[in-house]
Amino acid sequence: MSFFKKLTSKFSPSTGSDSDSYWIYVRCNRCGETIRARVNLYNDLTPNYEEGGSTYFCRKVLMGESLCFQRIEVSLTFDQNRKVIDQQATGGKFITQAEYSQSQGAPT
């Protein structure tokens, strides 16, 4: 039986590690819905060649699931170590993970 578990683990998608992810949390300006989105630091970033490739850029368009379906455009700039150096949101504003958890009714 362990043979089949090993075989299926080879072909099942990996969830990735937390070091590969950057989570963003926003609140919609129109309805107040909170949204969480994941940025994969190795697949979602684009090198910024105008600055010698030393920074990365990511743009995501987020939409809530239940209230108003307003689009929120998020632009993130990362340094060469994939740490956020600038973030901007249009149609919403960034919130903390604690604010997101509180809006979802989860304990912080």
Protein backbone atom coordinates (compact mmCIF):
# COMPACT_ATOMS: atom_id res chain seq x y z
CA MET A 1 0.00 0.00 0.00
CA SER A 2 2.87 2.41 0.69
CA PHE A 3 3.93 2.06 -2.95
CA PHE A 4 0.63 3.61 -4.09
CA LYS A 5 0.92 6.43 -1.56
CA LYS A 6 4.39 7.25 -2.84
CA LEU A 7 3.19 7.09 -6.42
CA THR A 8 0.20 9.37 -5.85
CA SER A 9 2.31 11.86 -3.87
CA LYS A 10 4.58 12.24 -6.91
CA PHE A 11 1.66 13.28 -9.10
CA SER A 12 -0.43 15.29 -6.65
CA PRO A 13 0.04 19.05 -6.65
CA SER A 14 2.13 20.42 -3.85
CA THR A 15 0.64 23.13 -1.67
CA GLY A 16 3.91 25.03 -1.46
CA SER A 17 5.57 26.31 1.63
CA ASP A 18 4.93 29.51 3.50
CA SER A 19 8.32 30.82 2.39
CA ASP A 20 7.02 30.74 -1.21
CA SER A 21 3.95 32.83 -0.35
CA TYR A 22 3.08 36.39 0.51
CA TRP A 23 -0.51 36.96 1.67
CA ILE A 24 -2.33 40.22 1.04
CA TYR A 25 -5.47 41.39 2.78
CA VAL A 26 -7.73 44.16 1.46
CA ARG A 27 -11.07 45.73 2.30
CA CYS A 28 -13.40 46.85 -0.50
CA ASN A 29 -14.09 50.60 -0.53
CA ARG A 30 -17.64 50.10 -1.76
CA CYS A 31 -19.09 47.38 0.49
CA GLY A 32 -16.44 46.71 3.14
CA GLU A 33 -15.95 43.04 2.27
CA THR A 34 -12.54 41.70 3.24
CA ILE A 35 -10.54 39.64 0.77
CA ARG A 36 -7.42 37.52 1.17
CA ALA A 37 -5.14 36.64 -1.76
CA ARG A 38 -1.91 34.70 -2.11
CA VAL A 39 1.10 35.86 -4.10
CA ASN A 40 3.47 33.07 -5.10
CA LEU A 41 6.91 34.67 -4.76
CA TYR A 42 8.45 32.44 -7.42
CA ASN A 43 5.71 32.37 -10.08
CA ASP A 44 3.68 35.58 -9.76
CA LEU A 45 6.53 38.12 -9.78
CA THR A 46 7.85 39.79 -12.90
CA PRO A 47 11.41 41.21 -13.00
CA ASN A 48 11.52 44.97 -13.52
CA TYR A 49 14.15 45.21 -16.27
CA GLU A 50 13.99 49.02 -16.39
CA GLU A 51 15.75 49.10 -13.02
CA GLY A 52 18.33 46.49 -13.96
CA GLY A 53 16.23 43.53 -12.83
CA SER A 54 16.88 44.28 -9.17
CA THR A 55 13.19 44.61 -8.29
CA TYR A 56 10.07 42.58 -9.01
CA PHE A 57 6.51 43.64 -9.77
CA CYS A 58 3.17 41.92 -9.21
CA ARG A 59 -0.30 43.06 -10.21
CA LYS A 60 -3.46 41.29 -9.13
CA VAL A 61 -7.11 42.11 -9.64
CA LEU A 62 -9.22 40.86 -6.75
CA MET A 63 -12.97 40.51 -6.48
CA GLY A 64 -15.12 39.57 -3.53
CA GLU A 65 -17.42 36.59 -3.47
CA SER A 66 -20.68 37.70 -2.01
CA LEU A 67 -21.43 41.40 -1.81
CA CYS A 68 -20.75 43.86 -4.62
CA PHE A 69 -18.20 42.25 -6.99
CA GLN A 70 -16.17 45.46 -7.14
CA ARG A 71 -12.72 44.89 -8.65
CA ILE A 72 -9.75 45.85 -6.50
CA GLU A 73 -6.45 46.26 -8.31
CA VAL A 74 -3.37 45.60 -6.20
CA SER A 75 0.17 46.51 -7.31
CA LEU A 76 3.15 45.27 -5.32
CA THR A 77 6.85 45.99 -5.72
CA PHE A 78 9.40 43.61 -4.22
CA ASP A 79 13.15 44.01 -3.74
CA GLN A 80 15.73 41.51 -4.99
CA ASN A 81 15.15 39.39 -1.87
CA ARG A 82 11.40 39.24 -2.60
CA LYS A 83 10.44 41.52 0.31
CA VAL A 84 7.68 44.09 -0.24
CA ILE A 85 8.96 47.64 -0.69
CA ASP A 86 5.78 49.27 -2.05
CA GLN A 87 2.11 48.39 -2.26
CA GLN A 88 -0.85 50.23 -3.75
CA ALA A 89 -4.52 49.38 -4.03
CA THR A 90 -7.23 50.91 -6.22
CA GLY A 91 -10.84 50.29 -5.21
CA GLY A 92 -9.87 49.08 -1.74
CA LYS A 93 -7.35 49.48 1.02
CA PHE A 94 -4.83 47.16 2.62
CA ILE A 95 -5.65 45.74 6.04
CA THR A 96 -3.70 43.58 8.48
CA GLN A 97 -4.09 39.84 8.92
CA ALA A 98 -5.61 40.48 12.35
CA GLU A 99 -8.27 42.78 10.85
CA TYR A 100 -9.06 40.14 8.23
CA SER A 101 -9.34 37.38 10.86
CA GLN A 102 -11.60 39.57 12.98
CA SER A 103 -13.90 40.25 10.03
CA GLN A 104 -14.15 36.50 9.37
CA GLY A 105 -15.09 35.80 12.99
CA ALA A 106 -11.90 33.86 13.71
CA PRO A 107 -9.99 34.39 16.94
CA THR A 108 -6.76 36.38 16.50
